[in-house]
N, C-alpha and C. Protein backbone atom coordinates (compact mmCIF):
# COMPACT_ATOMS: atom_id res chain seq x y z
N MET A 1 5.65 -70.02 -42.68
CA MET A 1 5.03 -68.46 -41.96
C MET A 1 3.48 -68.46 -42.39
N ILE A 2 2.76 -67.90 -41.52
CA ILE A 2 1.49 -67.81 -41.79
C ILE A 2 1.51 -66.54 -41.97
N THR A 3 0.89 -65.60 -43.20
CA THR A 3 0.69 -64.67 -43.47
C THR A 3 -1.18 -64.37 -43.53
N MET A 4 -1.18 -63.21 -43.77
CA MET A 4 -2.78 -62.71 -44.30
C MET A 4 -3.55 -63.51 -44.93
N GLU A 5 -2.58 -64.00 -45.70
CA GLU A 5 -3.43 -64.73 -47.04
C GLU A 5 -3.70 -66.34 -46.18
N ASP A 6 -3.25 -66.40 -45.50
CA ASP A 6 -3.75 -67.72 -44.88
C ASP A 6 -5.15 -67.81 -43.92
N ILE A 7 -4.98 -66.35 -43.63
CA ILE A 7 -6.33 -66.38 -42.45
C ILE A 7 -7.90 -66.39 -43.46
N ILE A 8 -8.84 -67.18 -43.09
CA ILE A 8 -10.25 -66.81 -43.97
C ILE A 8 -11.23 -66.00 -43.29
N ARG A 9 -11.84 -65.40 -43.80
CA ARG A 9 -12.40 -64.33 -43.49
C ARG A 9 -13.91 -64.86 -42.84
N GLU A 10 -14.64 -63.82 -42.33
CA GLU A 10 -16.01 -63.89 -41.87
C GLU A 10 -17.03 -64.28 -43.45
N GLY A 11 -17.83 -65.22 -42.95
CA GLY A 11 -18.35 -65.60 -44.10
C GLY A 11 -17.95 -66.65 -44.49
N HIS A 12 -17.12 -67.44 -44.34
CA HIS A 12 -16.27 -69.09 -44.87
C HIS A 12 -16.58 -69.88 -43.49
N PRO A 13 -17.19 -70.97 -44.14
CA PRO A 13 -17.99 -72.02 -43.59
C PRO A 13 -17.59 -72.33 -42.37
N THR A 14 -15.64 -72.75 -42.00
CA THR A 14 -15.13 -73.05 -40.88
C THR A 14 -15.29 -72.06 -39.73
N LEU A 15 -15.35 -70.86 -40.18
CA LEU A 15 -15.47 -70.24 -39.04
C LEU A 15 -16.83 -70.09 -38.17
N LYS A 16 -17.63 -71.00 -38.99
CA LYS A 16 -19.25 -71.60 -38.12
C LYS A 16 -19.30 -72.71 -37.88
N GLU A 17 -18.03 -73.71 -37.73
CA GLU A 17 -18.18 -74.85 -36.98
C GLU A 17 -17.68 -75.01 -36.08
N VAL A 18 -18.13 -75.88 -35.07
CA VAL A 18 -17.64 -76.59 -33.71
C VAL A 18 -16.12 -77.31 -34.01
N ALA A 19 -15.05 -76.73 -33.80
CA ALA A 19 -13.77 -77.44 -34.26
C ALA A 19 -13.57 -78.80 -33.35
N LYS A 20 -12.62 -79.78 -33.96
CA LYS A 20 -12.49 -81.10 -33.34
C LYS A 20 -11.44 -80.99 -32.35
N GLU A 21 -11.59 -81.84 -31.21
CA GLU A 21 -10.42 -82.22 -30.12
C GLU A 21 -9.41 -82.30 -31.09
N VAL A 22 -8.08 -82.08 -30.52
CA VAL A 22 -6.97 -82.38 -30.69
C VAL A 22 -6.61 -83.85 -30.03
N SER A 23 -5.95 -84.90 -31.02
CA SER A 23 -5.51 -86.22 -29.78
C SER A 23 -4.40 -85.80 -29.27
N LEU A 24 -4.44 -86.22 -28.50
CA LEU A 24 -3.25 -86.04 -27.22
C LEU A 24 -2.42 -87.14 -26.86
N PRO A 25 -1.04 -87.88 -26.95
CA PRO A 25 -0.15 -86.46 -27.66
C PRO A 25 -0.27 -85.88 -28.80
N ALA A 26 -0.38 -84.80 -29.17
CA ALA A 26 -0.36 -84.00 -30.40
C ALA A 26 0.85 -84.71 -31.38
N SER A 27 -0.30 -84.72 -32.57
CA SER A 27 1.24 -85.14 -33.78
C SER A 27 2.34 -83.79 -34.08
N ASP A 28 3.19 -84.49 -34.59
CA ASP A 28 4.22 -83.31 -35.26
C ASP A 28 3.61 -82.35 -35.78
N GLU A 29 2.74 -82.35 -36.79
CA GLU A 29 2.25 -82.05 -37.89
C GLU A 29 1.07 -80.71 -37.15
N ASP A 30 0.24 -80.83 -35.66
CA ASP A 30 -0.15 -80.34 -34.75
C ASP A 30 -0.02 -79.31 -34.45
N LYS A 31 1.65 -79.86 -33.66
CA LYS A 31 2.58 -79.00 -33.34
C LYS A 31 2.82 -77.90 -33.84
N GLN A 32 3.60 -78.31 -35.45
CA GLN A 32 4.22 -77.33 -36.19
C GLN A 32 2.88 -75.96 -36.28
N ILE A 33 1.85 -76.83 -36.79
CA ILE A 33 0.72 -75.87 -36.78
C ILE A 33 0.54 -74.63 -35.84
N LEU A 34 0.71 -74.91 -34.60
CA LEU A 34 0.33 -74.20 -33.15
C LEU A 34 1.54 -73.13 -33.01
N LYS A 35 2.16 -73.78 -33.33
CA LYS A 35 3.88 -73.33 -33.12
C LYS A 35 3.59 -71.88 -34.15
N LYS A 36 3.66 -72.42 -35.10
CA LYS A 36 3.39 -70.90 -36.52
C LYS A 36 2.06 -69.92 -36.06
N MET A 37 0.71 -70.52 -35.45
CA MET A 37 0.18 -69.85 -34.76
C MET A 37 0.75 -68.74 -34.07
N LEU A 38 1.29 -69.08 -32.91
CA LEU A 38 2.09 -68.02 -32.19
C LEU A 38 2.85 -67.69 -33.06
N GLU A 39 3.53 -68.05 -34.17
CA GLU A 39 4.96 -67.48 -34.40
C GLU A 39 3.79 -65.71 -35.05
N TYR A 40 3.16 -66.30 -36.20
CA TYR A 40 2.00 -64.88 -36.41
C TYR A 40 1.62 -64.15 -35.60
N VAL A 41 1.22 -64.12 -33.99
CA VAL A 41 0.93 -63.49 -33.71
C VAL A 41 1.56 -62.94 -33.09
N LYS A 42 3.29 -63.35 -32.69
CA LYS A 42 4.22 -62.50 -32.53
C LYS A 42 4.89 -61.55 -33.38
N ASN A 43 5.00 -62.18 -34.88
CA ASN A 43 5.41 -61.57 -35.70
C ASN A 43 4.42 -60.37 -35.89
N SER A 44 3.29 -60.35 -35.93
CA SER A 44 2.14 -58.95 -36.34
C SER A 44 2.63 -58.15 -35.17
N GLN A 45 3.01 -58.33 -34.23
CA GLN A 45 3.27 -57.31 -32.93
C GLN A 45 4.57 -56.68 -33.50
N ASP A 46 5.11 -57.24 -34.18
CA ASP A 46 6.29 -56.78 -34.12
C ASP A 46 6.41 -55.76 -35.82
N SER A 47 6.45 -54.63 -35.58
CA SER A 47 6.12 -53.42 -36.38
C SER A 47 7.05 -53.65 -38.05
N GLU A 48 8.46 -53.75 -37.80
CA GLU A 48 8.81 -53.86 -38.77
C GLU A 48 8.91 -55.69 -40.22
N LEU A 49 8.41 -56.80 -39.08
CA LEU A 49 8.09 -57.74 -39.52
C LEU A 49 6.62 -57.31 -40.14
N ALA A 50 5.55 -56.66 -39.12
CA ALA A 50 4.43 -56.41 -39.92
C ALA A 50 4.32 -56.07 -40.89
N GLU A 51 5.17 -55.05 -41.46
CA GLU A 51 5.04 -53.96 -42.52
C GLU A 51 5.77 -54.90 -43.72
N LYS A 52 6.25 -55.59 -43.26
CA LYS A 52 7.27 -56.44 -44.37
C LYS A 52 6.68 -57.54 -44.82
N TYR A 53 6.09 -58.05 -44.12
CA TYR A 53 4.94 -59.22 -44.68
C TYR A 53 3.37 -59.12 -44.75
N GLU A 54 2.90 -57.64 -44.33
CA GLU A 54 1.55 -57.32 -44.50
C GLU A 54 0.75 -57.85 -43.62
N LEU A 55 1.12 -58.01 -42.45
CA LEU A 55 0.59 -58.90 -41.12
C LEU A 55 -0.42 -57.57 -40.61
N ARG A 56 -1.81 -57.95 -39.99
CA ARG A 56 -2.88 -57.13 -39.16
C ARG A 56 -2.02 -57.32 -37.77
N PRO A 57 -1.80 -56.91 -37.19
CA PRO A 57 -1.41 -56.98 -35.82
C PRO A 57 -2.77 -57.80 -35.00
N GLY A 58 -2.35 -58.84 -34.08
CA GLY A 58 -3.03 -59.47 -33.68
C GLY A 58 -2.95 -59.77 -32.30
N ILE A 59 -3.56 -60.25 -31.34
CA ILE A 59 -2.95 -60.98 -29.57
C ILE A 59 -3.40 -62.15 -29.91
N GLY A 60 -4.15 -62.66 -30.66
CA GLY A 60 -4.46 -64.10 -30.60
C GLY A 60 -4.96 -64.87 -31.83
N LEU A 61 -5.07 -65.82 -31.88
CA LEU A 61 -5.49 -66.83 -33.40
C LEU A 61 -5.98 -68.24 -32.92
N ALA A 62 -6.86 -68.50 -33.26
CA ALA A 62 -7.61 -69.84 -33.38
C ALA A 62 -7.34 -70.62 -34.46
N ALA A 63 -7.17 -72.05 -34.19
CA ALA A 63 -6.70 -72.89 -35.97
C ALA A 63 -8.15 -72.38 -36.67
N PRO A 64 -9.45 -72.52 -36.31
CA PRO A 64 -9.84 -71.86 -37.23
C PRO A 64 -10.02 -71.24 -38.36
N GLN A 65 -9.41 -69.62 -37.88
CA GLN A 65 -9.11 -68.88 -38.90
C GLN A 65 -7.99 -69.41 -39.56
N ILE A 66 -7.44 -70.24 -39.76
CA ILE A 66 -6.84 -70.09 -40.40
C ILE A 66 -6.95 -71.55 -41.29
N ASN A 67 -8.54 -72.04 -41.37
CA ASN A 67 -9.21 -72.80 -41.72
C ASN A 67 -8.66 -74.36 -41.79
N VAL A 68 -8.20 -74.29 -39.98
CA VAL A 68 -7.64 -75.73 -39.65
C VAL A 68 -8.60 -76.14 -38.24
N SER A 69 -9.97 -76.85 -38.61
CA SER A 69 -11.01 -77.38 -37.59
C SER A 69 -10.37 -77.79 -36.34
N LYS A 70 -9.67 -77.44 -35.78
CA LYS A 70 -9.26 -78.15 -34.38
C LYS A 70 -9.09 -77.15 -33.42
N ARG A 71 -9.40 -77.47 -31.87
CA ARG A 71 -9.42 -76.76 -31.04
C ARG A 71 -7.59 -76.65 -30.70
N MET A 72 -7.12 -75.50 -31.16
CA MET A 72 -6.00 -75.05 -30.69
C MET A 72 -5.87 -73.27 -31.09
N ILE A 73 -5.23 -73.04 -29.81
CA ILE A 73 -5.18 -71.20 -29.69
C ILE A 73 -4.03 -70.42 -29.74
N ALA A 74 -3.48 -69.38 -30.06
CA ALA A 74 -2.30 -68.94 -29.56
C ALA A 74 -2.58 -67.34 -29.30
N ILE A 75 -1.91 -66.96 -28.07
CA ILE A 75 -2.20 -65.98 -27.65
C ILE A 75 -0.59 -65.26 -26.88
N HIS A 76 -0.78 -63.82 -27.37
CA HIS A 76 0.69 -63.60 -27.19
C HIS A 76 0.24 -61.95 -27.10
N THR A 77 -0.14 -61.65 -25.31
CA THR A 77 -0.33 -60.00 -24.96
C THR A 77 0.33 -59.88 -24.04
N LEU A 78 0.44 -58.32 -23.59
CA LEU A 78 0.63 -57.81 -22.39
C LEU A 78 -0.62 -57.50 -21.43
N ASP A 79 -0.58 -57.70 -20.26
CA ASP A 79 -1.53 -58.23 -19.36
C ASP A 79 -1.87 -56.30 -18.79
N GLU A 80 -2.75 -56.00 -18.14
CA GLU A 80 -2.72 -54.45 -17.77
C GLU A 80 -1.60 -53.87 -16.87
N LYS A 81 -0.73 -55.11 -16.40
CA LYS A 81 0.05 -54.34 -15.87
C LYS A 81 1.53 -54.38 -16.21
N GLY A 82 1.59 -54.96 -17.82
CA GLY A 82 3.04 -54.41 -19.01
C GLY A 82 3.10 -55.98 -18.66
N ASN A 83 2.90 -57.36 -18.42
CA ASN A 83 3.46 -58.25 -17.86
C ASN A 83 2.89 -59.15 -19.20
N GLN A 84 4.30 -59.23 -19.97
CA GLN A 84 4.16 -60.44 -21.35
C GLN A 84 3.61 -61.73 -21.00
N HIS A 85 2.81 -62.13 -21.53
CA HIS A 85 1.71 -63.38 -21.56
C HIS A 85 1.87 -64.45 -22.89
N SER A 86 2.70 -65.16 -23.25
CA SER A 86 2.83 -65.90 -24.53
C SER A 86 2.16 -67.56 -24.12
N TYR A 87 0.97 -67.83 -24.97
CA TYR A 87 0.03 -69.41 -24.70
C TYR A 87 -0.30 -70.08 -26.21
N ALA A 88 0.72 -71.48 -26.29
CA ALA A 88 0.18 -72.00 -27.35
C ALA A 88 -0.39 -73.33 -27.12
N LEU A 89 -1.87 -73.25 -26.98
CA LEU A 89 -2.29 -74.40 -26.19
C LEU A 89 -3.35 -75.39 -27.25
N PHE A 90 -3.51 -76.58 -26.58
CA PHE A 90 -4.31 -77.81 -27.25
C PHE A 90 -5.69 -77.83 -26.74
N ASN A 91 -6.85 -77.91 -26.98
CA ASN A 91 -7.82 -78.25 -26.45
C ASN A 91 -8.14 -77.44 -25.03
N PRO A 92 -8.20 -75.90 -25.50
CA PRO A 92 -8.29 -75.02 -23.86
C PRO A 92 -9.63 -75.28 -23.97
N LYS A 93 -10.42 -75.20 -22.23
CA LYS A 93 -11.97 -75.59 -22.10
C LYS A 93 -11.76 -74.57 -21.01
N ILE A 94 -13.37 -73.89 -20.95
CA ILE A 94 -13.51 -72.67 -20.12
C ILE A 94 -14.16 -73.86 -19.02
N VAL A 95 -13.60 -74.33 -17.80
CA VAL A 95 -13.81 -75.05 -16.95
C VAL A 95 -14.90 -74.24 -15.53
N SER A 96 -14.39 -72.79 -15.79
CA SER A 96 -15.30 -71.88 -14.91
C SER A 96 -15.39 -70.99 -15.02
N HIS A 97 -16.28 -69.76 -14.52
CA HIS A 97 -16.49 -68.37 -14.76
C HIS A 97 -17.14 -67.73 -13.80
N SER A 98 -16.91 -66.28 -13.90
CA SER A 98 -17.61 -65.38 -12.91
C SER A 98 -18.80 -64.98 -13.43
N ILE A 99 -19.60 -65.15 -12.05
CA ILE A 99 -21.00 -64.35 -12.63
C ILE A 99 -20.98 -62.93 -13.08
N GLU A 100 -19.68 -62.46 -12.51
CA GLU A 100 -19.41 -60.41 -12.71
C GLU A 100 -18.96 -60.77 -14.18
N LYS A 101 -19.54 -60.05 -14.95
CA LYS A 101 -19.00 -59.46 -16.58
C LYS A 101 -18.30 -58.50 -16.93
N SER A 102 -17.34 -58.43 -17.82
CA SER A 102 -16.05 -56.90 -18.48
C SER A 102 -16.74 -57.12 -19.93
N TYR A 103 -15.94 -55.94 -20.16
CA TYR A 103 -15.70 -56.44 -21.94
C TYR A 103 -14.64 -54.72 -21.83
N LEU A 104 -14.24 -54.88 -23.18
CA LEU A 104 -13.40 -53.66 -23.62
C LEU A 104 -14.06 -52.27 -24.51
N THR A 105 -13.68 -51.96 -23.67
CA THR A 105 -14.36 -50.43 -23.72
C THR A 105 -14.33 -49.57 -25.54
N SER A 106 -12.73 -50.21 -25.48
CA SER A 106 -12.62 -49.91 -27.23
C SER A 106 -13.40 -51.18 -28.18
N GLY A 107 -14.19 -52.30 -27.70
CA GLY A 107 -14.81 -53.03 -28.41
C GLY A 107 -13.29 -54.01 -29.00
N GLU A 108 -14.02 -54.82 -29.86
CA GLU A 108 -12.95 -56.33 -29.95
C GLU A 108 -12.95 -55.90 -31.78
N GLY A 109 -12.04 -56.43 -31.96
CA GLY A 109 -11.95 -56.85 -33.54
C GLY A 109 -11.27 -58.06 -33.67
N CYS A 110 -11.33 -58.71 -34.85
CA CYS A 110 -10.83 -60.00 -35.31
C CYS A 110 -9.92 -60.17 -36.48
N LEU A 111 -8.96 -60.93 -36.74
CA LEU A 111 -8.15 -61.11 -37.75
C LEU A 111 -9.12 -61.56 -38.85
N SER A 112 -10.11 -62.70 -38.45
CA SER A 112 -11.20 -62.44 -39.70
C SER A 112 -12.48 -61.94 -40.23
N VAL A 113 -12.49 -60.65 -39.81
CA VAL A 113 -13.31 -59.60 -39.99
C VAL A 113 -12.53 -58.09 -40.88
N ASP A 114 -13.02 -57.87 -41.51
CA ASP A 114 -12.47 -57.16 -41.61
C ASP A 114 -13.02 -55.58 -41.98
N ARG A 115 -13.61 -55.37 -41.07
CA ARG A 115 -15.02 -54.40 -40.77
C ARG A 115 -14.41 -53.65 -39.71
N ALA A 116 -15.10 -53.11 -38.99
CA ALA A 116 -15.26 -52.46 -37.63
C ALA A 116 -16.76 -52.67 -37.32
N VAL A 117 -16.77 -53.52 -35.88
CA VAL A 117 -18.16 -53.90 -35.72
C VAL A 117 -18.33 -52.83 -34.48
N PRO A 118 -18.53 -52.02 -34.13
CA PRO A 118 -19.01 -50.97 -32.90
C PRO A 118 -19.86 -52.38 -32.19
N GLY A 119 -19.66 -51.65 -30.75
CA GLY A 119 -20.82 -52.61 -29.70
C GLY A 119 -19.61 -52.90 -28.65
N ILE A 120 -20.68 -53.46 -27.82
CA ILE A 120 -20.22 -54.00 -26.44
C ILE A 120 -19.94 -55.32 -26.18
N VAL A 121 -19.28 -56.34 -26.07
CA VAL A 121 -19.02 -57.60 -26.50
C VAL A 121 -18.78 -57.85 -24.78
N PRO A 122 -20.20 -58.29 -24.43
CA PRO A 122 -20.11 -58.87 -23.14
C PRO A 122 -19.05 -60.08 -22.86
N ARG A 123 -18.40 -60.07 -21.62
CA ARG A 123 -17.63 -61.60 -21.37
C ARG A 123 -17.45 -61.47 -19.91
N PHE A 124 -16.97 -62.66 -19.75
CA PHE A 124 -16.72 -63.18 -17.84
C PHE A 124 -15.57 -62.12 -17.50
N ALA A 125 -16.13 -61.78 -16.59
CA ALA A 125 -14.85 -61.00 -15.77
C ALA A 125 -13.68 -61.89 -15.51
N ARG A 126 -13.75 -63.09 -15.04
CA ARG A 126 -12.89 -64.04 -14.44
C ARG A 126 -13.27 -65.26 -15.21
N ILE A 127 -12.42 -65.92 -15.81
CA ILE A 127 -12.13 -67.30 -16.12
C ILE A 127 -11.21 -68.25 -15.45
N ARG A 128 -11.55 -69.64 -15.60
CA ARG A 128 -10.73 -70.67 -15.05
C ARG A 128 -10.81 -71.62 -16.52
N VAL A 129 -9.17 -71.60 -17.08
CA VAL A 129 -9.17 -72.47 -18.33
C VAL A 129 -8.32 -73.68 -18.25
N LYS A 130 -8.62 -74.70 -18.71
CA LYS A 130 -7.47 -76.09 -18.70
C LYS A 130 -7.21 -76.26 -20.15
N ALA A 131 -5.87 -76.16 -20.29
CA ALA A 131 -5.18 -77.17 -21.64
C ALA A 131 -3.88 -77.88 -21.28
N THR A 132 -3.62 -78.05 -22.73
CA THR A 132 -2.14 -78.80 -23.04
C THR A 132 -1.54 -78.15 -23.76
N THR A 133 -0.35 -77.42 -23.30
CA THR A 133 0.74 -76.91 -23.39
C THR A 133 1.20 -77.70 -24.98
N LEU A 134 2.14 -76.90 -25.77
CA LEU A 134 3.00 -77.61 -26.72
C LEU A 134 3.67 -78.47 -26.57
N GLU A 135 4.25 -78.59 -25.49
CA GLU A 135 5.65 -79.52 -24.50
C GLU A 135 4.66 -80.80 -24.14
N GLY A 136 3.06 -81.13 -24.01
CA GLY A 136 2.36 -81.59 -23.82
C GLY A 136 1.91 -81.91 -22.33
N ASP A 137 2.01 -80.49 -21.74
CA ASP A 137 2.12 -80.61 -20.15
C ASP A 137 0.64 -79.47 -19.96
N GLN A 138 -0.07 -80.10 -18.45
CA GLN A 138 -1.27 -79.47 -18.41
C GLN A 138 -1.39 -78.93 -17.66
N ILE A 139 -1.98 -78.08 -18.20
CA ILE A 139 -1.79 -76.09 -17.34
C ILE A 139 -3.70 -76.24 -17.18
N ASP A 140 -3.61 -75.58 -15.74
CA ASP A 140 -4.90 -74.85 -15.18
C ASP A 140 -4.76 -73.82 -14.87
N VAL A 141 -5.25 -72.39 -15.52
CA VAL A 141 -4.92 -70.82 -15.22
C VAL A 141 -6.53 -70.26 -15.12
N ARG A 142 -6.03 -69.16 -14.33
CA ARG A 142 -7.14 -68.49 -13.88
C ARG A 142 -6.64 -66.98 -14.53
N LEU A 143 -7.88 -66.80 -14.98
CA LEU A 143 -7.33 -64.98 -15.84
C LEU A 143 -8.42 -64.22 -15.47
N LYS A 144 -8.22 -62.97 -15.49
CA LYS A 144 -9.18 -61.84 -15.47
C LYS A 144 -8.54 -60.95 -16.17
N GLY A 145 -9.60 -59.59 -16.49
CA GLY A 145 -8.86 -58.82 -17.17
C GLY A 145 -8.87 -58.96 -18.80
N LEU A 146 -7.86 -58.58 -19.70
CA LEU A 146 -7.50 -58.42 -21.12
C LEU A 146 -7.58 -59.71 -21.34
N LEU A 147 -6.89 -60.57 -20.15
CA LEU A 147 -6.48 -62.01 -21.14
C LEU A 147 -7.52 -62.96 -21.06
N ALA A 148 -8.19 -62.51 -19.90
CA ALA A 148 -9.66 -63.69 -19.96
C ALA A 148 -10.53 -63.09 -20.96
N ILE A 149 -10.20 -61.81 -21.55
CA ILE A 149 -11.39 -61.48 -22.83
C ILE A 149 -11.16 -62.03 -24.23
N VAL A 150 -9.26 -62.30 -23.99
CA VAL A 150 -8.85 -63.12 -24.96
C VAL A 150 -8.87 -64.31 -25.73
N PHE A 151 -8.85 -64.99 -24.12
CA PHE A 151 -9.16 -66.54 -24.44
C PHE A 151 -10.70 -66.60 -24.54
N GLN A 152 -11.50 -65.57 -24.31
CA GLN A 152 -12.61 -66.08 -24.73
C GLN A 152 -13.02 -65.99 -25.70
N HIS A 153 -12.36 -64.86 -26.49
CA HIS A 153 -12.69 -64.28 -27.86
C HIS A 153 -12.22 -65.74 -28.99
N GLU A 154 -10.85 -66.42 -28.31
CA GLU A 154 -9.96 -67.25 -29.01
C GLU A 154 -11.20 -68.74 -28.80
N ILE A 155 -11.41 -69.07 -27.97
CA ILE A 155 -12.47 -70.15 -27.46
C ILE A 155 -13.61 -70.20 -28.03
N ASP A 156 -14.26 -69.12 -28.38
CA ASP A 156 -15.16 -69.07 -29.12
C ASP A 156 -15.15 -69.49 -30.41
N HIS A 157 -14.25 -68.86 -30.97
CA HIS A 157 -13.82 -69.29 -32.59
C HIS A 157 -13.70 -70.71 -32.79
N LEU A 158 -13.33 -71.52 -31.56
CA LEU A 158 -13.20 -72.92 -31.68
C LEU A 158 -14.32 -73.85 -31.60
N ASN A 159 -15.52 -72.60 -31.19
CA ASN A 159 -17.46 -73.18 -30.88
C ASN A 159 -17.70 -72.66 -32.12
N GLY A 160 -17.55 -72.17 -33.30
CA GLY A 160 -18.07 -71.40 -34.51
C GLY A 160 -18.87 -70.25 -34.01
N VAL A 161 -18.49 -69.15 -32.86
CA VAL A 161 -19.11 -68.28 -32.49
C VAL A 161 -18.11 -66.89 -32.81
N MET A 162 -18.58 -66.03 -33.57
CA MET A 162 -17.67 -64.82 -33.87
C MET A 162 -18.11 -64.08 -32.85
N PHE A 163 -16.84 -63.05 -32.64
CA PHE A 163 -17.31 -61.89 -31.35
C PHE A 163 -18.59 -61.19 -31.51
N TYR A 164 -18.75 -60.65 -32.46
CA TYR A 164 -19.72 -59.79 -32.78
C TYR A 164 -21.04 -60.69 -32.68
N ASP A 165 -21.57 -61.78 -32.40
CA ASP A 165 -22.54 -62.58 -32.01
C ASP A 165 -22.78 -62.56 -30.85
N HIS A 166 -22.02 -61.73 -29.49
CA HIS A 166 -22.71 -61.49 -28.55
C HIS A 166 -23.03 -60.00 -28.16
N ILE A 167 -22.92 -59.08 -29.44
CA ILE A 167 -23.59 -57.88 -29.29
C ILE A 167 -25.01 -57.75 -29.34
N ASP A 168 -25.66 -56.65 -28.63
CA ASP A 168 -27.31 -56.69 -28.54
C ASP A 168 -27.34 -55.73 -29.85
N LYS A 169 -28.03 -56.80 -30.38
CA LYS A 169 -28.53 -56.06 -31.66
C LYS A 169 -29.34 -54.72 -31.80
N ASN A 170 -29.95 -54.86 -30.79
CA ASN A 170 -31.16 -53.78 -30.59
C ASN A 170 -30.44 -52.38 -30.19
N ASN A 171 -29.61 -52.68 -29.10
CA ASN A 171 -28.84 -51.76 -28.45
C ASN A 171 -27.36 -52.12 -28.08
N PRO A 172 -26.79 -52.03 -29.15
CA PRO A 172 -25.09 -52.27 -29.16
C PRO A 172 -24.36 -51.58 -28.31
N PHE A 173 -24.74 -50.48 -27.68
CA PHE A 173 -23.63 -50.24 -26.83
C PHE A 173 -24.12 -50.14 -25.47
N GLN A 174 -24.93 -51.09 -25.18
CA GLN A 174 -26.15 -51.17 -23.71
C GLN A 174 -24.49 -52.38 -22.92
N GLU A 175 -24.40 -51.23 -21.57
CA GLU A 175 -22.96 -52.20 -21.14
C GLU A 175 -23.85 -53.65 -20.04
N PRO A 176 -22.85 -54.06 -19.89
CA PRO A 176 -23.82 -55.38 -18.72
C PRO A 176 -23.98 -54.63 -17.47
N GLU A 177 -24.40 -55.26 -16.81
CA GLU A 177 -24.89 -54.67 -15.42
C GLU A 177 -23.65 -54.71 -14.74
N ASN A 178 -23.40 -53.76 -13.71
CA ASN A 178 -22.24 -54.04 -13.01
C ASN A 178 -21.38 -54.66 -13.27
N ALA A 179 -20.82 -54.24 -15.08
CA ALA A 179 -19.67 -55.01 -15.77
C ALA A 179 -18.19 -54.41 -15.38
N ILE A 180 -16.54 -54.94 -15.60
CA ILE A 180 -15.98 -53.72 -15.26
C ILE A 180 -15.71 -53.40 -16.75
N PRO A 181 -15.23 -52.29 -17.13
CA PRO A 181 -14.64 -52.42 -18.28
C PRO A 181 -13.23 -52.28 -18.23
N ILE A 182 -12.64 -52.68 -19.54
CA ILE A 182 -11.60 -52.82 -19.65
C ILE A 182 -10.86 -51.91 -20.91
N GLU A 183 -9.94 -51.31 -20.51
CA GLU A 183 -8.87 -50.11 -21.38
C GLU A 183 -8.39 -50.89 -22.10
N ARG A 184 -7.93 -50.75 -23.21
CA ARG A 184 -6.96 -51.36 -24.05
C ARG A 184 -6.09 -50.58 -24.78
């Protein structure tokens, strides 16, 4: 089971690396790591388990955050309509995106960042992602709203980018032009 002790924090060199592609079909070891990542995200949202194991709640986790420099992400969250979405993916890639932007009105946080970083993180409003599931199936999903933001945040980790790298240093609360504000 992954706990907060397994999650590396900002400043660790792995968080600034571009993660390597996972060779497919995925090895049993890579599948186990990805299953544990999804398990962490689910457990962290269960108040009893989170308290018992001192897990910080998260809705997404990328392999570099547990010091595994491979292109794997796990996401477990509700969308704006209250529908549950759960993903455990190898080699996710944004293949297209909107020109239109969006952002979380509350700002973004990260399990690898132990401090609040105020500011608006501009994201694409809509993205299309291709990836491989734990079962080895190819998926091609179109995402918008919170899900699009979470996917971009986790895929950034695979490219050595932290969410605060997107915040305008001179004007951290500058809203992107014509952007869609997303409440969380």
